[in-house]
């Protein structure tokens, strides 16, 4: 028996599909406009984001001082100065030992290049000195031919460094003002918004602030775990500068992908010039194992507990953020995904129907129970 389609139901389905498609299209257009506006204001948005992340990291100390009677301005000033001292101490802890052993490292690099040249001249490569000299001359000629592009690259790099310094300074000032006046922001926001927005927006903002704090703390736990494991591995192998390398690993953990690559490259290079090729390969294996455990086990597990996101969602968010916006996208992917989850959960709470209480069942006899 053949079944014919109902024209009325078909038209209704098409109208519903068109309406939903139009609404989704409007949402996508508004999202694209918002992203475009963020891009145009990125010189302001990026320091604000960094300042927020620094504030979530330093707020527990400022809150402790405020609860013990310190004035807000004094507590914010002390915490900001302490943060700058700690940051300067970390830089000194990394730079001073490296500078003190720079002569040995330079000699090791020269010796390593000489060993590499001797190895290349022997079997199985059997590359002669004339071929190596010719390759060096060719590389020198290419460098001379590309002086203009190199100058452009250097100027671009200097501009990037200057922008980074400006961003850091702005972020520190914003951190100070957030530590000082942050608790007054939500009451002020409540007074500025009309109607239901006066309740919804501050509630979402409070939840988002808590989520950002969880993100920064979880990232610090992951970085500490990396630093301890890699530091132990370097100490067992006998690589010098173990403490500076461990501190560098902890700091670099806050910059996804590139931070780990940079810290690992520095550790392998120091192992190569100080202990030789075998220990460098062992250090490389240790770093690869730790980074794989961090990226696929530790980070998703710790962040999924703190942020309420599944580990697979975190992995996909980092991958998508890196493909869309590179290093910055990888850095912001997880907190952005967590903030989207906060907004979605709040919308679900507001849009869900109230749970109806089950009616009291009547007695089997149908008689009314005595009062």
Protein backbone atom coordinates (compact mmCIF):
# COMPACT_ATOMS: atom_id res chain seq x y z
CA UNK A 1 0.00 0.00 0.00
CA UNK A 2 1.60 3.27 -1.19
CA UNK A 3 1.86 6.24 1.15
CA UNK A 4 1.41 9.77 -0.18
CA UNK A 5 3.00 12.79 1.43
CA UNK A 6 0.78 15.41 2.96
CA UNK A 7 1.21 18.75 1.18
CA UNK A 8 0.11 20.65 4.29
CA UNK A 9 2.69 18.93 6.53
CA UNK A 10 5.39 19.34 3.88
CA UNK A 11 4.76 23.08 3.58
CA UNK A 12 4.74 23.41 7.37
CA UNK A 13 8.06 21.54 7.62
CA UNK A 14 9.62 23.72 4.91
CA UNK A 15 8.40 26.90 6.62
CA UNK A 16 9.79 25.72 9.96
CA UNK A 17 13.13 24.82 8.33
CA UNK A 18 13.30 28.20 6.59
CA UNK A 19 12.52 30.04 9.82
CA UNK A 20 15.15 28.11 11.77
CA UNK A 21 17.71 28.59 8.99
CA UNK A 22 17.04 32.34 8.92
CA UNK A 23 17.42 32.61 12.69
CA UNK A 24 20.66 30.62 12.63
CA UNK A 25 21.95 32.80 9.80
CA UNK A 26 21.23 35.94 11.83
CA UNK A 27 23.05 34.45 14.84
CA UNK A 28 26.07 33.60 12.66
CA UNK A 29 26.11 37.10 11.16
CA UNK A 30 25.99 38.68 14.62
CA UNK A 31 28.77 36.35 15.79
CA UNK A 32 30.92 37.31 12.79
CA UNK A 33 30.32 41.02 13.48
CA UNK A 34 31.28 40.54 17.14
CA UNK A 35 34.49 38.70 16.17
CA UNK A 36 35.31 41.44 13.63
CA UNK A 37 34.84 44.11 16.29
CA UNK A 38 37.09 42.19 18.69
CA UNK A 39 39.73 42.03 15.99
CA UNK A 40 39.54 45.77 15.40
CA UNK A 41 39.87 46.43 19.14
CA UNK A 42 42.48 43.72 19.76
CA UNK A 43 45.10 46.21 20.99
CA UNK A 44 42.76 46.89 23.92
CA UNK A 45 41.13 43.48 24.27
CA UNK A 46 44.39 41.51 24.53
CA UNK A 47 45.84 43.50 27.49
CA UNK A 48 42.42 43.27 29.16
CA UNK A 49 42.42 39.47 28.78
CA UNK A 50 45.97 39.16 30.11
CA UNK A 51 45.08 41.47 33.00
CA UNK A 52 42.04 39.33 33.84
CA UNK A 53 44.14 36.16 33.86
CA UNK A 54 46.78 37.79 36.07
CA UNK A 55 44.05 39.06 38.39
CA UNK A 56 42.59 35.58 38.82
CA UNK A 57 46.09 34.37 39.70
CA UNK A 58 46.77 37.08 42.30
CA UNK A 59 43.26 37.69 43.66
CA UNK A 60 43.43 35.08 46.50
CA UNK A 61 46.31 37.00 48.10
CA UNK A 62 44.57 40.36 47.70
CA UNK A 63 41.33 38.90 49.11
CA UNK A 64 43.21 37.56 52.15
CA UNK A 65 44.73 40.98 52.85
CA UNK A 66 41.38 42.77 52.42
CA UNK A 67 39.65 40.37 54.79
CA UNK A 68 42.28 41.19 57.43
CA UNK A 69 41.53 44.90 57.33
CA UNK A 70 43.91 46.16 54.66
CA UNK A 71 42.57 49.07 52.55
CA UNK A 72 41.81 47.99 48.95
CA UNK A 73 44.41 50.33 47.42
CA UNK A 74 47.15 49.16 49.80
CA UNK A 75 46.32 45.48 49.30
CA UNK A 76 46.32 45.88 45.52
CA UNK A 77 49.62 47.78 45.61
CA UNK A 78 51.34 45.17 47.79
CA UNK A 79 50.09 42.28 45.66
CA UNK A 80 51.16 44.03 42.43
CA UNK A 81 54.65 44.71 43.81
CA UNK A 82 54.94 41.12 45.03
CA UNK A 83 53.88 39.86 41.62
CA UNK A 84 56.52 41.99 39.90
CA UNK A 85 59.18 40.80 42.36
CA UNK A 86 58.24 37.16 41.79
CA UNK A 87 58.25 37.64 38.01
CA UNK A 88 61.64 39.36 38.20
CA UNK A 89 62.94 36.60 40.47
CA UNK A 90 61.86 33.94 38.00
CA UNK A 91 63.66 35.75 35.18
CA UNK A 92 66.78 36.12 37.33
CA UNK A 93 66.60 32.46 38.39
CA UNK A 94 66.70 31.48 34.74
CA UNK A 95 69.08 34.11 33.37
CA UNK A 96 71.80 34.34 36.06
CA UNK A 97 72.91 30.66 36.06
CA UNK A 98 72.79 30.58 32.25
CA UNK A 99 74.90 33.76 32.06
CA UNK A 100 77.41 32.42 34.59
CA UNK A 101 77.91 29.29 32.49
CA UNK A 102 77.65 30.99 29.11
CA UNK A 103 81.36 30.46 28.42
CA UNK A 104 81.11 26.72 29.00
CA UNK A 105 77.94 26.54 26.90
CA UNK A 106 79.61 28.44 24.05
CA UNK A 107 82.60 26.12 24.12
CA UNK A 108 80.23 23.17 24.15
CA UNK A 109 78.36 24.48 21.13
CA UNK A 110 81.62 24.93 19.19
CA UNK A 111 82.76 21.47 20.21
CA UNK A 112 79.40 20.01 19.23
CA UNK A 113 79.61 21.59 15.77
CA UNK A 114 83.13 20.21 15.36
CA UNK A 115 81.98 16.72 16.36
CA UNK A 116 79.10 16.96 13.92
CA UNK A 117 81.52 17.94 11.17
CA UNK A 118 83.83 15.03 11.98
CA UNK A 119 80.89 12.63 12.04
CA UNK A 120 79.65 13.90 8.66
CA UNK A 121 83.12 13.44 7.11
CA UNK A 122 83.20 9.77 8.15
CA UNK A 123 81.12 6.78 7.06
CA UNK A 124 78.37 6.39 6.03
CA UNK A 125 78.05 10.00 4.77
CA UNK A 126 81.71 10.57 3.80
CA UNK A 127 81.17 14.29 3.21
CA UNK A 128 84.49 15.95 2.47
CA UNK A 129 85.73 19.29 3.78
CA UNK A 130 85.39 20.79 0.31
CA UNK A 131 81.70 19.91 0.20
CA UNK A 132 81.13 21.32 3.69
CA UNK A 133 82.99 24.51 2.77
CA UNK A 134 80.98 24.79 -0.43
CA UNK A 135 77.73 24.36 1.49
CA UNK A 136 78.80 27.07 3.96
CA UNK A 137 79.70 29.41 1.10
CA UNK A 138 76.35 28.76 -0.56
CA UNK A 139 74.52 29.44 2.70
CA UNK A 140 76.53 32.66 3.16
CA UNK A 141 75.63 33.81 -0.36
CA UNK A 142 71.95 33.15 0.28
CA UNK A 143 72.12 35.12 3.51
CA UNK A 144 73.76 38.03 1.71
CA UNK A 145 71.13 37.95 -1.02
CA UNK A 146 68.31 38.04 1.51
CA UNK A 147 69.66 40.88 3.67
CA UNK A 148 66.65 43.03 2.84
CA UNK A 149 64.13 40.44 3.93
CA UNK A 150 66.19 39.73 7.04
CA UNK A 151 66.14 43.42 7.97
CA UNK A 152 62.38 43.45 7.49
CA UNK A 153 62.07 40.37 9.68
CA UNK A 154 64.24 41.95 12.38
CA UNK A 155 62.19 45.15 12.32
CA UNK A 156 59.00 43.10 12.56
CA UNK A 157 60.46 41.16 15.47
CA UNK A 158 61.45 44.36 17.26
CA UNK A 159 57.92 45.68 16.74
CA UNK A 160 56.50 42.47 18.17
CA UNK A 161 58.75 42.76 21.24
CA UNK A 162 57.71 46.39 21.76
CA UNK A 163 54.03 45.45 21.45
CA UNK A 164 54.59 42.66 23.95
CA UNK A 165 56.18 45.05 26.44
CA UNK A 166 53.34 47.54 26.03
CA UNK A 167 50.79 44.76 26.49
CA UNK A 168 52.56 43.56 29.64
CA UNK A 169 52.67 47.06 31.14
CA UNK A 170 48.99 47.68 30.39
CA UNK A 171 48.07 44.25 31.79
CA UNK A 172 49.89 44.98 35.07
CA UNK A 173 48.12 48.34 35.46
CA UNK A 174 44.76 46.73 34.67
CA UNK A 175 45.53 43.99 37.20
CA UNK A 176 46.14 46.64 39.86
CA UNK A 177 42.83 48.40 39.18
CA UNK A 178 40.93 45.09 39.09
CA UNK A 179 42.45 44.04 42.41
CA UNK A 180 41.56 47.44 43.88
CA UNK A 181 38.06 47.99 42.48
CA UNK A 182 37.00 44.54 41.28
CA UNK A 183 34.46 43.77 44.05
CA UNK A 184 32.61 47.00 43.23
CA UNK A 185 32.17 46.08 39.58
CA UNK A 186 29.17 43.73 39.87
CA UNK A 187 27.11 46.10 42.07
CA UNK A 188 27.88 48.93 39.64
CA UNK A 189 26.91 46.72 36.69
CA UNK A 190 23.65 45.80 38.40
CA UNK A 191 22.73 49.47 38.75
CA UNK A 192 23.47 50.19 35.09
CA UNK A 193 21.39 47.42 33.51
CA UNK A 194 17.62 47.52 33.07
CA UNK A 195 15.05 44.90 34.00
CA UNK A 196 16.06 41.26 34.03
CA UNK A 197 19.54 42.05 32.68
CA UNK A 198 20.36 43.48 36.11
CA UNK A 199 20.10 39.93 37.47
CA UNK A 200 21.23 37.77 34.55
CA UNK A 201 24.42 39.57 33.48
CA UNK A 202 25.98 39.89 36.99
CA UNK A 203 25.16 36.24 37.71
CA UNK A 204 26.86 35.07 34.50
CA UNK A 205 29.80 37.40 35.18
CA UNK A 206 30.29 35.95 38.68
CA UNK A 207 30.23 32.39 37.32
CA UNK A 208 32.63 33.34 34.52
CA UNK A 209 35.05 34.85 37.06
CA UNK A 210 35.01 31.63 39.07
CA UNK A 211 35.63 29.62 35.90
CA UNK A 212 38.62 31.77 34.91
CA UNK A 213 40.10 31.21 38.36
CA UNK A 214 39.72 27.46 37.96
CA UNK A 215 41.45 27.64 34.56
CA UNK A 216 44.47 29.55 35.86
CA UNK A 217 44.85 27.23 38.86
CA UNK A 218 44.55 24.09 36.73
CA UNK A 219 47.13 25.46 34.28
CA UNK A 220 49.47 26.15 37.20
CA UNK A 221 49.02 22.55 38.43
CA UNK A 222 49.84 21.20 34.97
CA UNK A 223 52.92 23.43 34.72
CA UNK A 224 54.12 22.36 38.18
CA UNK A 225 53.68 18.71 37.24
CA UNK A 226 55.68 19.22 34.04
CA UNK A 227 58.43 21.08 35.88
CA UNK A 228 58.77 18.39 38.55
CA UNK A 229 58.81 15.43 36.14
CA UNK A 230 61.17 17.01 33.60
CA UNK A 231 63.37 18.42 36.37
CA UNK A 232 63.71 14.95 37.92
CA UNK A 233 64.58 13.50 34.53
CA UNK A 234 67.26 16.14 33.92
CA UNK A 235 68.68 15.62 37.41
CA UNK A 236 68.88 11.84 36.93
CA UNK A 237 70.61 12.22 33.56
CA UNK A 238 73.03 14.76 35.07
CA UNK A 239 72.22 17.80 32.93
CA UNK A 240 73.41 21.14 34.38
CA UNK A 241 71.07 24.08 35.11
CA UNK A 242 68.31 21.76 36.34
CA UNK A 243 66.55 24.39 38.47
CA UNK A 244 66.46 27.12 35.77
CA UNK A 245 65.21 24.59 33.22
CA UNK A 246 62.48 23.39 35.60
CA UNK A 247 61.38 27.00 36.25
CA UNK A 248 61.39 27.68 32.50
CA UNK A 249 59.23 24.60 31.95
CA UNK A 250 56.71 25.80 34.56
CA UNK A 251 56.47 29.30 33.06
CA UNK A 252 56.29 27.97 29.49
CA UNK A 253 53.35 25.72 30.41
CA UNK A 254 51.08 28.79 30.38
CA UNK A 255 51.72 29.15 26.62
CA UNK A 256 50.34 26.03 24.90
CA UNK A 257 52.34 24.20 22.23
CA UNK A 258 55.04 26.84 21.62
CA UNK A 259 55.95 27.12 25.29
CA UNK A 260 56.53 23.39 25.61
CA UNK A 261 58.52 23.30 22.35
CA UNK A 262 60.73 26.19 23.46
CA UNK A 263 61.42 24.77 26.93
CA UNK A 264 62.12 21.32 25.47
CA UNK A 265 64.46 22.75 22.82
CA UNK A 266 66.48 24.64 25.45
CA UNK A 267 66.77 21.53 27.66
CA UNK A 268 67.89 19.31 24.75
CA UNK A 269 70.39 21.94 23.56
CA UNK A 270 71.99 22.28 27.01
CA UNK A 271 72.13 18.48 27.35
CA UNK A 272 73.78 18.24 23.92
CA UNK A 273 76.50 20.83 24.55
CA UNK A 274 77.24 19.69 28.09
CA UNK A 275 76.72 15.91 28.17
CA UNK A 276 76.84 14.79 24.56
CA UNK A 277 74.51 13.32 21.98
CA UNK A 278 73.42 10.25 23.98
CA UNK A 279 72.21 12.21 26.99
CA UNK A 280 70.56 14.75 24.66
CA UNK A 281 68.55 11.95 23.05
CA UNK A 282 67.59 10.63 26.50
CA UNK A 283 66.43 14.13 27.52
CA UNK A 284 64.47 14.42 24.27
CA UNK A 285 62.73 11.11 25.01
CA UNK A 286 61.90 12.23 28.57
CA UNK A 287 60.43 15.52 27.33
CA UNK A 288 58.37 13.80 24.62
CA UNK A 289 56.93 11.31 27.13
CA UNK A 290 56.10 14.01 29.69
CA UNK A 291 54.55 16.28 27.07
CA UNK A 292 52.43 13.44 25.70
CA UNK A 293 51.25 12.59 29.21
CA UNK A 294 50.50 16.26 29.86
CA UNK A 295 48.63 16.89 26.62
CA UNK A 296 46.63 13.66 26.55
CA UNK A 297 46.23 12.70 30.22
CA UNK A 298 47.11 15.30 32.87
CA UNK A 299 45.82 18.52 31.30
CA UNK A 300 42.45 17.16 30.11
CA UNK A 301 41.85 15.39 33.44
CA UNK A 302 42.78 18.36 35.67
CA UNK A 303 41.02 20.96 33.55
CA UNK A 304 37.93 18.82 33.03
CA UNK A 305 37.49 18.55 36.80
CA UNK A 306 38.05 22.24 37.46
CA UNK A 307 36.12 23.63 34.48
CA UNK A 308 33.32 21.10 34.18
CA UNK A 309 34.32 20.22 30.61
CA UNK A 310 34.92 16.76 29.22
CA UNK A 311 38.54 15.95 28.35
CA UNK A 312 37.61 15.41 24.69
CA UNK A 313 36.00 18.87 24.56
CA UNK A 314 39.22 20.43 25.86
CA UNK A 315 41.35 18.62 23.27
CA UNK A 316 39.02 19.67 20.45
CA UNK A 317 38.90 23.26 21.74
CA UNK A 318 42.70 23.57 21.79
CA UNK A 319 42.93 22.09 18.28
CA UNK A 320 40.26 24.43 16.92
CA UNK A 321 41.72 27.49 18.65
CA UNK A 322 45.18 26.77 17.29
CA UNK A 323 43.90 26.31 13.74
CA UNK A 324 41.87 29.54 13.88
CA UNK A 325 44.19 31.92 15.72
CA UNK A 326 47.56 30.22 16.21
CA UNK A 327 49.28 30.56 19.59
CA UNK A 328 46.78 33.06 20.98
CA UNK A 329 43.93 30.77 19.92
CA UNK A 330 45.52 27.81 21.68
CA UNK A 331 46.03 29.91 24.83
CA UNK A 332 42.44 31.19 24.92
CA UNK A 333 40.66 28.08 23.59
CA UNK A 334 40.05 26.38 26.93
CA UNK A 335 38.84 29.45 28.90
CA UNK A 336 36.64 30.53 25.99
CA UNK A 337 35.10 27.04 25.81
CA UNK A 338 34.54 27.11 29.56
CA UNK A 339 32.88 30.55 29.39
CA UNK A 340 30.62 29.36 26.56
CA UNK A 341 29.65 26.41 28.76
CA UNK A 342 28.86 28.81 31.62
CA UNK A 343 26.56 30.90 29.41
CA UNK A 344 24.92 27.80 27.93
CA UNK A 345 24.26 26.25 31.35
CA UNK A 346 22.72 29.49 32.61
CA UNK A 347 20.49 29.76 29.53
CA UNK A 348 19.41 26.16 30.04
CA UNK A 349 18.52 26.91 33.64
CA UNK A 350 16.43 29.92 32.60
CA UNK A 351 14.72 28.23 29.65
CA UNK A 352 13.97 24.90 31.30
CA UNK A 353 10.46 24.28 32.53
CA UNK A 354 9.96 24.09 36.29
CA UNK A 355 9.72 20.58 37.56
CA UNK A 356 6.15 19.72 38.49
CA UNK A 357 5.55 18.07 41.82
CA UNK A 358 3.64 14.75 41.58
CA UNK A 359 0.07 14.93 42.85
CA UNK A 360 -0.71 13.18 46.09
CA UNK A 361 -2.19 9.79 45.39
CA UNK A 362 -5.67 9.12 46.67
CA UNK A 363 -6.26 6.49 49.30
CA UNK A 364 -7.46 3.10 48.02
CA UNK A 365 -10.84 3.51 49.61
CA UNK A 366 -11.29 7.00 48.15
CA UNK A 367 -12.00 8.41 51.60
CA UNK A 368 -10.64 11.76 52.56
CA UNK A 369 -7.96 11.50 55.21
CA UNK A 370 -8.85 13.20 58.48
CA UNK A 371 -7.21 16.53 59.21
